[in-house]
Amino acid sequence: MTEHSPLQVRSENGITWIQLNRPEQRNALDIPTLTALTSLLHDLDADDGTRTVVLTGTGRSFCAGADLAEWAAAEARGELETYGWTQAAHKLMVALYHLNKPTIAAVNGTAVGAGMDLSLCCDFRVAARSARFKAGYTSMGYCPDAGASWHLPRLIGLEQAKLFIFLDELWNADQALAAGMVGRVVDDHQLLSCTTELATRLASGPTLAHGFTKQLMRDGAKRGLAEQLAAEQDAGLVCGRSEDGIEALRAVAEKRSPNFIGR
């Protein structure tokens, strides 16, 4: 992609790095960015060479949320409710949440509104110490529109989620860690190296099994225990017959570490 693209993408060692690349807009999400990222995620889901995906931002912000300049232009045209931002954002959030590969948000600065929601769709969140999190909805007289009302109660509990959203609090990285919104906080200069270490471990693992595990966890809340056990059995049969499953058994017999290939 060119330097003017809203996304910068590179792949190495099974890890695909996606960098939001609109630093002048604090990586705000306009429709072209939403659409490009959704299309890219669908491509990566089908790409056997990609075994882990990392999402981060260019400059001092992870993502400032919706592009309010684009919203204002749509409002001026009388098209705010119909020009398609919400639908494009929802497609992106669903694609990221349902990606079969492990995903990491490397939060390098402010994550606000839909930008915060983007990080919440990832499996793991590694935050730089300078990272800041803000829902940004109620201070605009608005309610969550990109998944915060679904993710936050599950991550940090219902009452904490209400306080965070209703009062529109600005949380630093340590507050987010204490609440359970992020999994790790590292010094700013360590964000790249620590994220790379985690991504490398995930990419070298049995990514087929990772995908089934993600699906089981996503769907488990809708099932009773007996149904979930049956689903685990079905998924386990596929994993056990996979090349990674066979390799794991061979490695045990040969007293060595397994060499997983993701299928």
C-alpha atoms as a PDB file:
ATOM      1  CA  MET A   1       0.000   0.000   0.000  1.00  0.00           C
ATOM      2  CA  THR A   2       1.130   3.582  -0.564  1.00  0.00           C
ATOM      3  CA  GLU A   3       2.160   5.982   2.143  1.00  0.00           C
ATOM      4  CA  HIS A   4      -1.171   7.793   1.632  1.00  0.00           C
ATOM      5  CA  SER A   5      -3.198   4.688   2.400  1.00  0.00           C
ATOM      6  CA  PRO A   6      -5.300   4.778   5.586  1.00  0.00           C
ATOM      7  CA  LEU A   7      -3.674   1.458   6.481  1.00  0.00           C
ATOM      8  CA  GLN A   8      -0.062   0.343   6.549  1.00  0.00           C
ATOM      9  CA  VAL A   9       0.307  -3.439   6.443  1.00  0.00           C
ATOM     10  CA  ARG A  10       3.305  -5.712   6.805  1.00  0.00           C
ATOM     11  CA  SER A  11       3.598  -9.438   7.383  1.00  0.00           C
ATOM     12  CA  GLU A  12       6.510 -11.410   8.779  1.00  0.00           C
ATOM     13  CA  ASN A  13       6.936 -14.669  10.668  1.00  0.00           C
ATOM     14  CA  GLY A  14       3.221 -15.409  10.560  1.00  0.00           C
ATOM     15  CA  ILE A  15       2.303 -12.031  12.082  1.00  0.00           C
ATOM     16  CA  THR A  16       0.401  -9.397  10.106  1.00  0.00           C
ATOM     17  CA  TRP A  17       0.752  -5.878  11.493  1.00  0.00           C
ATOM     18  CA  ILE A  18      -2.008  -3.413  10.602  1.00  0.00           C
ATOM     19  CA  GLN A  19      -1.298   0.219  11.378  1.00  0.00           C
ATOM     20  CA  LEU A  20      -4.039   2.822  11.159  1.00  0.00           C
ATOM     21  CA  ASN A  21      -2.389   5.569   9.145  1.00  0.00           C
ATOM     22  CA  ARG A  22      -4.285   8.838   9.468  1.00  0.00           C
ATOM     23  CA  PRO A  23      -2.148  10.578  12.104  1.00  0.00           C
ATOM     24  CA  GLU A  24      -3.406  14.078  11.251  1.00  0.00           C
ATOM     25  CA  GLN A  25      -6.915  12.861  12.126  1.00  0.00           C
ATOM     26  CA  ARG A  26      -5.623  10.864  15.114  1.00  0.00           C
ATOM     27  CA  ASN A  27      -6.434   7.744  13.076  1.00  0.00           C
ATOM     28  CA  ALA A  28     -10.154   8.511  13.119  1.00  0.00           C
ATOM     29  CA  LEU A  29     -12.342   6.058  11.258  1.00  0.00           C
ATOM     30  CA  ASP A  30     -13.947   7.360   8.086  1.00  0.00           C
ATOM     31  CA  ILE A  31     -15.887   5.106   5.736  1.00  0.00           C
ATOM     32  CA  PRO A  32     -12.922   4.398   3.393  1.00  0.00           C
ATOM     33  CA  THR A  33     -10.834   3.279   6.377  1.00  0.00           C
ATOM     34  CA  LEU A  34     -13.630   1.152   7.800  1.00  0.00           C
ATOM     35  CA  THR A  35     -14.222  -0.498   4.428  1.00  0.00           C
ATOM     36  CA  ALA A  36     -10.531  -1.101   3.710  1.00  0.00           C
ATOM     37  CA  LEU A  37      -9.930  -2.628   7.118  1.00  0.00           C
ATOM     38  CA  THR A  38     -12.964  -4.901   6.880  1.00  0.00           C
ATOM     39  CA  SER A  39     -11.872  -6.153   3.448  1.00  0.00           C
ATOM     40  CA  LEU A  40      -8.336  -6.722   4.704  1.00  0.00           C
ATOM     41  CA  LEU A  41      -9.543  -8.745   7.691  1.00  0.00           C
ATOM     42  CA  HIS A  42     -11.610 -11.009   5.442  1.00  0.00           C
ATOM     43  CA  ASP A  43      -8.523 -11.581   3.289  1.00  0.00           C
ATOM     44  CA  LEU A  44      -6.338 -12.322   6.311  1.00  0.00           C
ATOM     45  CA  ASP A  45      -8.862 -14.794   7.709  1.00  0.00           C
ATOM     46  CA  ALA A  46      -8.444 -16.848   4.527  1.00  0.00           C
ATOM     47  CA  ASP A  47      -4.653 -16.445   4.424  1.00  0.00           C
ATOM     48  CA  ASP A  48      -2.828 -19.465   5.837  1.00  0.00           C
ATOM     49  CA  GLY A  49       0.334 -17.398   6.099  1.00  0.00           C
ATOM     50  CA  THR A  50      -1.243 -15.077   8.653  1.00  0.00           C
ATOM     51  CA  ARG A  51      -1.441 -16.712  12.048  1.00  0.00           C
ATOM     52  CA  THR A  52      -1.746 -13.665  14.299  1.00  0.00           C
ATOM     53  CA  VAL A  53      -2.953 -10.119  13.619  1.00  0.00           C
ATOM     54  CA  VAL A  54      -1.757  -6.990  15.435  1.00  0.00           C
ATOM     55  CA  LEU A  55      -3.645  -3.694  15.190  1.00  0.00           C
ATOM     56  CA  THR A  56      -2.032  -0.394  16.206  1.00  0.00           C
ATOM     57  CA  GLY A  57      -1.955   3.280  15.234  1.00  0.00           C
ATOM     58  CA  THR A  58       0.446   5.731  13.634  1.00  0.00           C
ATOM     59  CA  GLY A  59       1.557   8.705  15.693  1.00  0.00           C
ATOM     60  CA  ARG A  60       0.345   9.555  19.185  1.00  0.00           C
ATOM     61  CA  SER A  61      -3.145   8.033  18.997  1.00  0.00           C
ATOM     62  CA  PHE A  62      -4.398   4.506  18.598  1.00  0.00           C
ATOM     63  CA  CYS A  63      -7.727   5.688  17.219  1.00  0.00           C
ATOM     64  CA  ALA A  64      -9.889   8.731  17.964  1.00  0.00           C
ATOM     65  CA  GLY A  65     -13.098   6.966  16.952  1.00  0.00           C
ATOM     66  CA  ALA A  66     -15.459   8.182  14.251  1.00  0.00           C
ATOM     67  CA  ASP A  67     -14.229  10.844  11.862  1.00  0.00           C
ATOM     68  CA  LEU A  68     -16.349  13.752  13.091  1.00  0.00           C
ATOM     69  CA  ALA A  69     -15.442  15.869  10.067  1.00  0.00           C
ATOM     70  CA  GLU A  70     -17.042  13.218   7.861  1.00  0.00           C
ATOM     71  CA  TRP A  71     -20.045  13.156  10.214  1.00  0.00           C
ATOM     72  CA  ALA A  72     -20.346  16.960  10.061  1.00  0.00           C
ATOM     73  CA  ALA A  73     -20.251  16.925   6.259  1.00  0.00           C
ATOM     74  CA  ALA A  74     -22.987  14.295   6.190  1.00  0.00           C
ATOM     75  CA  GLU A  75     -25.045  16.345   8.646  1.00  0.00           C
ATOM     76  CA  ALA A  76     -24.673  19.398   6.406  1.00  0.00           C
ATOM     77  CA  ARG A  77     -26.047  17.348   3.511  1.00  0.00           C
ATOM     78  CA  GLY A  78     -28.900  16.074   5.669  1.00  0.00           C
ATOM     79  CA  GLU A  79     -27.535  12.530   5.403  1.00  0.00           C
ATOM     80  CA  LEU A  80     -26.110  11.825   8.865  1.00  0.00           C
ATOM     81  CA  GLU A  81     -28.470   8.926   9.530  1.00  0.00           C
ATOM     82  CA  THR A  82     -28.212   7.441   6.049  1.00  0.00           C
ATOM     83  CA  TYR A  83     -24.708   7.950   4.677  1.00  0.00           C
ATOM     84  CA  GLY A  84     -23.514   4.610   5.994  1.00  0.00           C
ATOM     85  CA  TRP A  85     -20.920   5.117   8.736  1.00  0.00           C
ATOM     86  CA  THR A  86     -22.718   3.007  11.340  1.00  0.00           C
ATOM     87  CA  GLN A  87     -23.286   0.119   8.949  1.00  0.00           C
ATOM     88  CA  ALA A  88     -19.628   0.179   7.841  1.00  0.00           C
ATOM     89  CA  ALA A  89     -18.436   0.314  11.455  1.00  0.00           C
ATOM     90  CA  HIS A  90     -20.628  -2.597  12.458  1.00  0.00           C
ATOM     91  CA  LYS A  91     -19.292  -4.737   9.589  1.00  0.00           C
ATOM     92  CA  LEU A  92     -15.751  -3.999  10.762  1.00  0.00           C
ATOM     93  CA  MET A  93     -16.414  -4.814  14.412  1.00  0.00           C
ATOM     94  CA  VAL A  94     -18.092  -8.106  13.509  1.00  0.00           C
ATOM     95  CA  ALA A  95     -15.262  -9.063  11.131  1.00  0.00           C
ATOM     96  CA  LEU A  96     -12.595  -8.336  13.737  1.00  0.00           C
ATOM     97  CA  TYR A  97     -14.418 -10.066  16.573  1.00  0.00           C
ATOM     98  CA  HIS A  98     -15.063 -13.188  14.490  1.00  0.00           C
ATOM     99  CA  LEU A  99     -11.597 -13.425  12.964  1.00  0.00           C
ATOM    100  CA  ASN A 100     -10.364 -16.982  13.449  1.00  0.00           C
ATOM    101  CA  LYS A 101      -6.766 -15.859  14.068  1.00  0.00           C
ATOM    102  CA  PRO A 102      -5.635 -14.459  17.440  1.00  0.00           C
ATOM    103  CA  THR A 103      -5.762 -10.668  17.462  1.00  0.00           C
ATOM    104  CA  ILE A 104      -3.850  -8.119  19.531  1.00  0.00           C
ATOM    105  CA  ALA A 105      -4.534  -4.407  19.932  1.00  0.00           C
ATOM    106  CA  ALA A 106      -1.264  -2.590  20.650  1.00  0.00           C
ATOM    107  CA  VAL A 107      -2.742   0.594  22.096  1.00  0.00           C
ATOM    108  CA  ASN A 108      -0.141   3.295  21.556  1.00  0.00           C
ATOM    109  CA  GLY A 109      -2.124   6.343  22.678  1.00  0.00           C
ATOM    110  CA  THR A 110      -5.693   7.547  23.017  1.00  0.00           C
ATOM    111  CA  ALA A 111      -8.476   5.097  22.192  1.00  0.00           C
ATOM    112  CA  VAL A 112     -11.803   6.899  22.107  1.00  0.00           C
ATOM    113  CA  GLY A 113     -15.315   5.881  21.098  1.00  0.00           C
ATOM    114  CA  ALA A 114     -15.248   3.496  18.162  1.00  0.00           C
ATOM    115  CA  GLY A 115     -11.450   3.448  18.466  1.00  0.00           C
ATOM    116  CA  MET A 116     -11.792   2.022  21.950  1.00  0.00           C
ATOM    117  CA  ASP A 117     -14.443  -0.372  20.644  1.00  0.00           C
ATOM    118  CA  LEU A 118     -11.997  -1.511  17.965  1.00  0.00           C
ATOM    119  CA  SER A 119      -9.521  -2.520  20.668  1.00  0.00           C
ATOM    120  CA  LEU A 120     -12.269  -4.301  22.616  1.00  0.00           C
ATOM    121  CA  CYS A 121     -12.992  -6.545  19.616  1.00  0.00           C
ATOM    122  CA  CYS A 122      -9.446  -7.925  19.790  1.00  0.00           C
ATOM    123  CA  ASP A 123      -8.546 -10.976  21.842  1.00  0.00           C
ATOM    124  CA  PHE A 124      -5.738  -9.206  23.690  1.00  0.00           C
ATOM    125  CA  ARG A 125      -4.939  -5.585  24.515  1.00  0.00           C
ATOM    126  CA  VAL A 126      -1.391  -4.465  25.263  1.00  0.00           C
ATOM    127  CA  ALA A 127      -1.386  -0.803  26.315  1.00  0.00           C
ATOM    128  CA  ALA A 128       1.486   1.638  26.364  1.00  0.00           C
ATOM    129  CA  ARG A 129       1.714   3.506  29.647  1.00  0.00           C
ATOM    130  CA  SER A 130       0.666   6.670  27.814  1.00  0.00           C
ATOM    131  CA  ALA A 131      -2.534   5.061  26.526  1.00  0.00           C
ATOM    132  CA  ARG A 132      -5.840   6.618  27.483  1.00  0.00           C
ATOM    133  CA  PHE A 133      -9.347   5.183  27.141  1.00  0.00           C
ATOM    134  CA  LYS A 134     -12.616   7.101  26.867  1.00  0.00           C
ATOM    135  CA  ALA A 135     -16.058   6.031  25.684  1.00  0.00           C
ATOM    136  CA  GLY A 136     -16.848   9.534  24.404  1.00  0.00           C
ATOM    137  CA  TYR A 137     -20.536   8.869  23.839  1.00  0.00           C
ATOM    138  CA  THR A 138     -22.589  10.436  26.614  1.00  0.00           C
ATOM    139  CA  SER A 139     -20.632  13.703  26.586  1.00  0.00           C
ATOM    140  CA  MET A 140     -21.911  14.085  23.019  1.00  0.00           C
ATOM    141  CA  GLY A 141     -25.473  13.292  24.101  1.00  0.00           C
ATOM    142  CA  TYR A 142     -25.123   9.932  22.409  1.00  0.00           C
ATOM    143  CA  CYS A 143     -25.113   6.255  23.329  1.00  0.00           C
ATOM    144  CA  PRO A 144     -22.589   3.560  22.336  1.00  0.00           C
ATOM    145  CA  ASP A 145     -22.873   2.602  18.689  1.00  0.00           C
ATOM    146  CA  ALA A 146     -19.908   0.326  17.946  1.00  0.00           C
ATOM    147  CA  GLY A 147     -20.043  -2.402  20.567  1.00  0.00           C
ATOM    148  CA  ALA A 148     -19.012  -0.835  23.889  1.00  0.00           C
ATOM    149  CA  SER A 149     -22.347  -1.701  25.532  1.00  0.00           C
ATOM    150  CA  TRP A 150     -21.717  -5.368  24.697  1.00  0.00           C
ATOM    151  CA  HIS A 151     -17.999  -5.701  25.387  1.00  0.00           C
ATOM    152  CA  LEU A 152     -17.499  -3.606  28.504  1.00  0.00           C
ATOM    153  CA  PRO A 153     -20.002  -5.355  30.830  1.00  0.00           C
ATOM    154  CA  ARG A 154     -18.369  -8.661  29.916  1.00  0.00           C
ATOM    155  CA  LEU A 155     -14.831  -7.353  30.456  1.00  0.00           C
ATOM    156  CA  ILE A 156     -15.156  -5.103  33.493  1.00  0.00           C
ATOM    157  CA  GLY A 157     -18.588  -5.845  34.975  1.00  0.00           C
ATOM    158  CA  LEU A 158     -21.928  -4.109  34.591  1.00  0.00           C
ATOM    159  CA  GLU A 159     -21.576  -1.411  37.252  1.00  0.00           C
ATOM    160  CA  GLN A 160     -18.051  -0.427  36.226  1.00  0.00           C
ATOM    161  CA  ALA A 161     -19.174  -0.297  32.595  1.00  0.00           C
ATOM    162  CA  LYS A 162     -22.088   1.981  33.479  1.00  0.00           C
ATOM    163  CA  LEU A 163     -19.869   4.335  35.487  1.00  0.00           C
ATOM    164  CA  PHE A 164     -17.262   4.463  32.740  1.00  0.00           C
ATOM    165  CA  ILE A 165     -19.799   5.186  30.001  1.00  0.00           C
ATOM    166  CA  PHE A 166     -22.342   7.307  31.907  1.00  0.00           C
ATOM    167  CA  LEU A 167     -19.712   9.600  33.454  1.00  0.00           C
ATOM    168  CA  ASP A 168     -17.558   9.444  30.320  1.00  0.00           C
ATOM    169  CA  GLU A 169     -14.446   9.010  32.410  1.00  0.00           C
ATOM    170  CA  LEU A 170     -10.952   9.161  30.960  1.00  0.00           C
ATOM    171  CA  TRP A 171      -8.974   6.154  32.165  1.00  0.00           C
ATOM    172  CA  ASN A 172      -5.229   5.885  32.016  1.00  0.00           C
ATOM    173  CA  ALA A 173      -3.552   2.593  31.227  1.00  0.00           C
ATOM    174  CA  ASP A 174      -3.202   1.527  34.854  1.00  0.00           C
ATOM    175  CA  GLN A 175      -6.896   2.184  35.545  1.00  0.00           C
ATOM    176  CA  ALA A 176      -7.802   0.155  32.463  1.00  0.00           C
ATOM    177  CA  LEU A 177      -5.556  -2.672  33.652  1.00  0.00           C
ATOM    178  CA  ALA A 178      -7.008  -2.667  37.156  1.00  0.00           C
ATOM    179  CA  ALA A 179     -10.543  -2.817  35.764  1.00  0.00           C
ATOM    180  CA  GLY A 180      -9.732  -5.610  33.305  1.00  0.00           C
ATOM    181  CA  MET A 181     -10.127  -3.576  30.125  1.00  0.00           C
ATOM    182  CA  VAL A 182      -6.556  -4.373  29.055  1.00  0.00           C
ATOM    183  CA  GLY A 183      -4.359  -7.355  29.801  1.00  0.00           C
ATOM    184  CA  ARG A 184      -0.927  -5.740  29.931  1.00  0.00           C
ATOM    185  CA  VAL A 185       0.585  -2.302  30.415  1.00  0.00           C
ATOM    186  CA  VAL A 186       4.158  -1.644  29.312  1.00  0.00           C
ATOM    187  CA  ASP A 187       6.411   1.375  29.022  1.00  0.00           C
ATOM    188  CA  ASP A 188       5.951   3.196  25.742  1.00  0.00           C
ATOM    189  CA  HIS A 189       9.330   2.174  24.375  1.00  0.00           C
ATOM    190  CA  GLN A 190       8.522  -1.486  25.107  1.00  0.00           C
ATOM    191  CA  LEU A 191       5.167  -1.614  23.319  1.00  0.00           C
ATOM    192  CA  LEU A 192       6.587  -2.911  20.047  1.00  0.00           C
ATOM    193  CA  SER A 193       8.889  -5.490  21.611  1.00  0.00           C
ATOM    194  CA  CYS A 194       6.339  -6.796  24.119  1.00  0.00           C
ATOM    195  CA  THR A 195       3.618  -7.014  21.489  1.00  0.00           C
ATOM    196  CA  THR A 196       6.016  -8.788  19.128  1.00  0.00           C
ATOM    197  CA  GLU A 197       6.877 -11.308  21.831  1.00  0.00           C
ATOM    198  CA  LEU A 198       3.209 -12.101  22.495  1.00  0.00           C
ATOM    199  CA  ALA A 199       2.359 -12.199  18.787  1.00  0.00           C
ATOM    200  CA  THR A 200       5.285 -14.518  18.079  1.00  0.00           C
ATOM    201  CA  ARG A 201       4.173 -16.951  20.769  1.00  0.00           C
ATOM    202  CA  LEU A 202       0.639 -16.963  19.386  1.00  0.00           C
ATOM    203  CA  ALA A 203       1.791 -17.327  15.778  1.00  0.00           C
ATOM    204  CA  SER A 204       3.940 -20.318  16.662  1.00  0.00           C
ATOM    205  CA  GLY A 205       1.036 -22.050  18.381  1.00  0.00           C
ATOM    206  CA  PRO A 206      -1.716 -24.307  17.021  1.00  0.00           C
ATOM    207  CA  THR A 207      -3.729 -21.577  15.334  1.00  0.00           C
ATOM    208  CA  LEU A 208      -6.399 -23.997  14.136  1.00  0.00           C
ATOM    209  CA  ALA A 209      -7.057 -24.857  17.780  1.00  0.00           C
ATOM    210  CA  HIS A 210      -6.941 -21.162  18.639  1.00  0.00           C
ATOM    211  CA  GLY A 211      -9.698 -20.525  16.111  1.00  0.00           C
ATOM    212  CA  PHE A 212     -11.924 -23.276  17.483  1.00  0.00           C
ATOM    213  CA  THR A 213     -11.292 -22.056  21.027  1.00  0.00           C
ATOM    214  CA  LYS A 214     -12.312 -18.526  20.076  1.00  0.00           C
ATOM    215  CA  GLN A 215     -15.506 -19.846  18.511  1.00  0.00           C
ATOM    216  CA  LEU A 216     -16.309 -21.962  21.558  1.00  0.00           C
ATOM    217  CA  MET A 217     -15.830 -18.992  23.869  1.00  0.00           C
ATOM    218  CA  ARG A 218     -17.911 -16.705  21.646  1.00  0.00           C
ATOM    219  CA  ASP A 219     -20.792 -19.144  21.427  1.00  0.00           C
ATOM    220  CA  GLY A 220     -20.597 -20.579  24.944  1.00  0.00           C
ATOM    221  CA  ALA A 221     -22.679 -17.832  26.561  1.00  0.00           C
ATOM    222  CA  LYS A 222     -25.651 -18.893  24.425  1.00  0.00           C
ATOM    223  CA  ARG A 223     -25.461 -22.543  25.449  1.00  0.00           C
ATOM    224  CA  GLY A 224     -26.063 -24.687  28.463  1.00  0.00           C
ATOM    225  CA  LEU A 225     -23.229 -26.852  29.778  1.00  0.00           C
ATOM    226  CA  ALA A 226     -24.350 -30.010  27.986  1.00  0.00           C
ATOM    227  CA  GLU A 227     -24.553 -28.168  24.655  1.00  0.00           C
ATOM    228  CA  GLN A 228     -21.153 -26.604  25.215  1.00  0.00           C
ATOM    229  CA  LEU A 229     -19.588 -29.971  26.021  1.00  0.00           C
ATOM    230  CA  ALA A 230     -21.018 -31.378  22.800  1.00  0.00           C
ATOM    231  CA  ALA A 231     -19.600 -28.435  20.859  1.00  0.00           C
ATOM    232  CA  GLU A 232     -16.217 -28.960  22.523  1.00  0.00           C
ATOM    233  CA  GLN A 233     -16.303 -32.609  21.520  1.00  0.00           C
ATOM    234  CA  ASP A 234     -17.055 -31.766  17.892  1.00  0.00           C
ATOM    235  CA  ALA A 235     -14.283 -29.179  17.762  1.00  0.00           C
ATOM    236  CA  GLY A 236     -11.908 -31.515  19.562  1.00  0.00           C
ATOM    237  CA  LEU A 237     -12.397 -34.208  16.949  1.00  0.00           C
ATOM    238  CA  VAL A 238     -11.373 -31.783  14.201  1.00  0.00           C
ATOM    239  CA  CYS A 239      -8.369 -30.550  16.182  1.00  0.00           C
ATOM    240  CA  GLY A 240      -7.274 -34.046  17.086  1.00  0.00           C
ATOM    241  CA  ARG A 241      -7.304 -35.120  13.457  1.00  0.00           C
ATOM    242  CA  SER A 242      -5.457 -32.010  12.284  1.00  0.00           C
ATOM    243  CA  GLU A 243      -1.786 -31.938  11.356  1.00  0.00           C
ATOM    244  CA  ASP A 244      -1.087 -29.936  14.504  1.00  0.00           C
ATOM    245  CA  GLY A 245      -2.921 -32.469  16.644  1.00  0.00           C
ATOM    246  CA  ILE A 246      -0.915 -35.337  15.177  1.00  0.00           C
ATOM    247  CA  GLU A 247       2.304 -33.356  15.551  1.00  0.00           C
ATOM    248  CA  ALA A 248       1.557 -32.690  19.221  1.00  0.00           C
ATOM    249  CA  LEU A 249       1.222 -36.404  19.953  1.00  0.00           C
ATOM    250  CA  ARG A 250       4.423 -37.186  18.053  1.00  0.00           C
ATOM    251  CA  ALA A 251       6.267 -34.495  19.991  1.00  0.00           C
ATOM    252  CA  VAL A 252       5.129 -35.995  23.299  1.00  0.00           C
ATOM    253  CA  ALA A 253       6.292 -39.454  22.237  1.00  0.00           C
ATOM    254  CA  GLU A 254       9.614 -38.066  21.011  1.00  0.00           C
ATOM    255  CA  LYS A 255      10.070 -35.813  24.077  1.00  0.00           C
ATOM    256  CA  ARG A 256      10.454 -32.585  22.091  1.00  0.00           C
ATOM    257  CA  SER A 257       8.557 -29.365  21.533  1.00  0.00           C
ATOM    258  CA  PRO A 258       5.906 -29.521  18.823  1.00  0.00           C
ATOM    259  CA  ASN A 259       6.318 -27.636  15.550  1.00  0.00           C
ATOM    260  CA  PHE A 260       2.834 -26.322  14.796  1.00  0.00           C
ATOM    261  CA  ILE A 261       1.920 -25.159  11.295  1.00  0.00           C
ATOM    262  CA  GLY A 262      -1.615 -23.916  11.903  1.00  0.00           C
ATOM    263  CA  ARG A 263      -3.609 -26.650  10.220  1.00  0.00           C
END
